[in-house]
Amino acid sequence: MDVVHLQEQLDLKLQQRQARETGICPVRRELYSQCFDELIREVTINCAERGLLLLRVRDEIRMTIAAYQTLYESSVAFGMRKALQAEQGKSDMERKISELETEKKDLERQVNEQKAKCEATEKREIERRQVEEKKHNEEIQFLKRTNQQLKVRMLRLATLGVS
C-alpha cells in the first residue's frame, strides 16, 4: 500500500508542478530524487543492509550525474572559447586581407608608374637614337661630298700639273 500511495503522490506532484515527460527537466529530477529517498527510507526500516546498498547506489548515481554535468559545462566552455578564438582569428584574417589588398594596390600602382617611366625612357631613347642616326647620316653625306669635291680638285690639279 505504501508503494502505491507513493506512486500516486509522485504522479500528482509531477502534474501539479508541470514537469516535462521527456528530456532534461529539473522539476522531474527533483521529484524522482525525493521519491527515491522515500523508498530508501522505507526499505531501510525493513532491512538496513538493503537500505545502505540503495544509499550507495543513489550516491554513485548522483556523483556520476555531477561528473557528466561538469564535463558538459567544461565542453560548452571549451566550445565557446574555440568559437571566440575562431571569430577573433577571422577578424584578424580579414584585417590582414585588407592590409594585403592595400599593399597589392600600392605595388600595382608602383608597377604602373615604373612601366610609364620605362615607356617614356624608351621613347626618349628611340628619339635620341633617331637624332644620332640623322646626324651620323648627315655627317656621312657631308664627308662623301667633301671627298667627292677633293677628288674633283685633285683630278683638276693632276690635269693642270700634267699639261
Protein backbone atom coordinates (compact mmCIF):
# COMPACT_ATOMS: atom_id res chain seq x y z
CA MET A 1 0.00 0.00 0.00
CA ASP A 2 2.84 2.39 0.81
CA VAL A 3 4.35 1.89 -2.66
CA VAL A 4 1.02 2.51 -4.42
CA HIS A 5 0.40 5.60 -2.30
CA LEU A 6 3.95 6.88 -3.01
CA GLN A 7 3.47 6.32 -6.75
CA GLU A 8 0.18 8.22 -6.74
CA GLN A 9 1.79 11.12 -4.84
CA LEU A 10 4.66 11.18 -7.34
CA ASP A 11 2.27 11.31 -10.32
CA LEU A 12 0.19 14.02 -8.65
CA LYS A 13 3.23 16.19 -7.86
CA LEU A 14 4.57 15.73 -11.41
CA GLN A 15 1.26 17.06 -12.76
CA GLN A 16 0.97 19.87 -10.22
CA ARG A 17 4.50 21.17 -10.88
CA GLN A 18 4.11 20.64 -14.64
CA ALA A 19 7.20 18.51 -15.03
CA ARG A 20 8.13 17.64 -18.60
CA GLU A 21 7.65 14.00 -19.56
CA THR A 22 10.79 13.80 -21.71
CA GLY A 23 14.18 15.45 -21.91
CA ILE A 24 16.08 17.15 -19.12
CA CYS A 25 13.68 18.53 -16.51
CA PRO A 26 14.97 19.76 -13.14
CA VAL A 27 11.49 19.52 -11.58
CA ARG A 28 11.07 15.90 -12.63
CA ARG A 29 14.61 15.10 -11.43
CA GLU A 30 13.92 16.65 -8.02
CA LEU A 31 10.61 14.77 -7.57
CA TYR A 32 12.11 11.43 -8.59
CA SER A 33 15.02 12.06 -6.22
CA GLN A 34 12.60 12.73 -3.35
CA CYS A 35 10.65 9.59 -4.26
CA PHE A 36 13.84 7.52 -4.34
CA ASP A 37 14.89 8.93 -0.95
CA GLU A 38 11.48 7.89 0.47
CA LEU A 39 11.86 4.39 -0.99
CA ILE A 40 15.31 4.11 0.56
CA ARG A 41 13.88 5.23 3.92
CA GLU A 42 11.10 2.66 3.75
CA VAL A 43 13.44 -0.18 2.66
CA THR A 44 15.94 0.76 5.37
CA ILE A 45 13.21 0.36 8.03
CA ASN A 46 12.64 -3.25 6.92
CA CYS A 47 16.26 -4.17 6.07
CA ALA A 48 19.16 -1.89 6.98
CA GLU A 49 21.62 -3.64 4.63
CA ARG A 50 19.34 -3.14 1.59
CA GLY A 51 18.81 0.47 2.58
CA LEU A 52 22.56 1.09 2.83
CA LEU A 53 23.11 -0.55 -0.56
CA LEU A 54 20.41 1.67 -2.08
CA LEU A 55 22.09 4.70 -0.48
CA ARG A 56 25.38 3.72 -2.14
CA VAL A 57 23.60 3.31 -5.50
CA ARG A 58 21.90 6.71 -5.09
CA ASP A 59 25.16 8.43 -4.15
CA GLU A 60 27.02 6.81 -7.06
CA ILE A 61 24.31 7.91 -9.49
CA ARG A 62 24.44 11.48 -8.13
CA MET A 63 28.24 11.56 -8.45
CA THR A 64 28.04 10.21 -12.00
CA ILE A 65 25.43 12.80 -12.94
CA ALA A 66 27.53 15.55 -11.34
CA ALA A 67 30.60 14.36 -13.28
CA TYR A 68 28.63 14.37 -16.54
CA GLN A 69 27.28 17.83 -15.75
CA THR A 70 30.80 19.14 -15.04
CA LEU A 71 32.06 17.53 -18.24
CA TYR A 72 29.19 19.05 -20.19
CA GLU A 73 29.79 22.54 -18.76
CA SER A 74 33.51 22.22 -19.42
CA SER A 75 32.92 21.16 -23.02
CA VAL A 76 30.46 24.02 -23.56
CA ALA A 77 33.01 26.48 -22.15
CA PHE A 78 35.71 24.95 -24.37
CA GLY A 79 33.43 25.23 -27.39
CA MET A 80 32.70 28.86 -26.59
CA ARG A 81 36.41 29.66 -26.21
CA LYS A 82 37.14 27.98 -29.53
CA ALA A 83 34.27 29.85 -31.20
CA LEU A 84 35.58 33.15 -29.80
CA GLN A 85 39.11 32.31 -30.93
CA ALA A 86 37.81 31.44 -34.38
CA GLU A 87 35.88 34.71 -34.51
CA GLN A 88 38.93 36.68 -33.40
CA GLY A 89 41.06 34.76 -35.88
CA LYS A 90 38.54 35.57 -38.56
CA SER A 91 38.67 39.29 -37.79
CA ASP A 92 42.48 39.15 -37.71
CA MET A 93 42.48 37.42 -41.10
CA GLU A 94 40.03 39.94 -42.52
CA ARG A 95 42.27 42.76 -41.29
CA LYS A 96 45.33 41.07 -42.79
CA ILE A 97 43.48 40.53 -46.08
CA SER A 98 42.59 44.21 -46.13
CA GLU A 99 46.21 45.19 -45.46
CA LEU A 100 47.46 42.84 -48.17
CA GLU A 101 44.91 44.17 -50.66
CA THR A 102 46.06 47.72 -49.88
CA GLU A 103 49.68 46.66 -50.30
CA LYS A 104 48.79 44.90 -53.56
CA LYS A 105 47.13 48.05 -54.92
CA ASP A 106 50.15 50.11 -53.89
CA LEU A 107 52.50 47.67 -55.62
CA GLU A 108 50.32 47.66 -58.75
CA ARG A 109 50.44 51.46 -58.75
CA GLN A 110 54.23 51.35 -58.44
CA VAL A 111 54.42 48.82 -61.29
CA ASN A 112 52.29 51.09 -63.47
CA GLU A 113 54.48 54.09 -62.61
CA GLN A 114 57.62 52.12 -63.44
CA LYS A 115 56.08 50.92 -66.72
CA ALA A 116 55.23 54.51 -67.62
CA LYS A 117 58.78 55.62 -66.77
CA CYS A 118 60.19 52.74 -68.81
CA GLU A 119 58.00 53.59 -71.80
CA ALA A 120 58.96 57.28 -71.54
CA THR A 121 62.65 56.35 -71.33
CA GLU A 122 62.33 54.00 -74.30
CA LYS A 123 60.56 56.72 -76.30
CA ARG A 124 63.26 59.28 -75.44
CA GLU A 125 65.95 56.76 -76.29
CA ILE A 126 64.33 55.99 -79.66
CA GLU A 127 64.10 59.71 -80.41
CA ARG A 128 67.72 60.25 -79.34
CA ARG A 129 68.84 57.31 -81.48
CA GLN A 130 66.93 58.72 -84.45
CA VAL A 131 68.59 62.13 -83.94
CA GLU A 132 72.00 60.47 -83.65
CA GLU A 133 71.32 58.40 -86.77
CA LYS A 134 70.25 61.50 -88.66
CA LYS A 135 73.41 63.36 -87.54
CA HIS A 136 75.51 60.35 -88.47
CA ASN A 137 73.91 60.08 -91.91
CA GLU A 138 74.32 63.85 -92.46
CA GLU A 139 77.96 63.59 -91.44
CA ILE A 140 78.47 60.65 -93.81
CA GLN A 141 76.82 62.63 -96.61
CA PHE A 142 78.98 65.66 -95.78
CA LEU A 143 82.12 63.55 -95.79
CA LYS A 144 81.12 61.91 -99.09
CA ARG A 145 80.54 65.31 -100.69
CA THR A 146 83.81 66.62 -99.28
CA ASN A 147 85.59 63.52 -100.53
CA GLN A 148 83.98 63.90 -103.94
CA GLN A 149 84.97 67.57 -104.09
CA LEU A 150 88.53 66.69 -103.09
CA LYS A 151 88.66 64.04 -105.77
CA VAL A 152 87.45 66.57 -108.33
CA ARG A 153 90.10 69.10 -107.20
CA MET A 154 92.79 66.51 -107.23
CA LEU A 155 91.78 65.47 -110.69
CA ARG A 156 91.86 69.12 -111.85
CA LEU A 157 95.21 69.65 -110.22
CA ALA A 158 96.51 66.48 -111.75
CA THR A 159 95.24 67.54 -115.19
CA LEU A 160 96.71 71.06 -114.75
CA GLY A 161 100.01 69.76 -113.50
CA VAL A 162 100.39 67.29 -116.34
CA SER A 163 99.82 69.73 -119.14
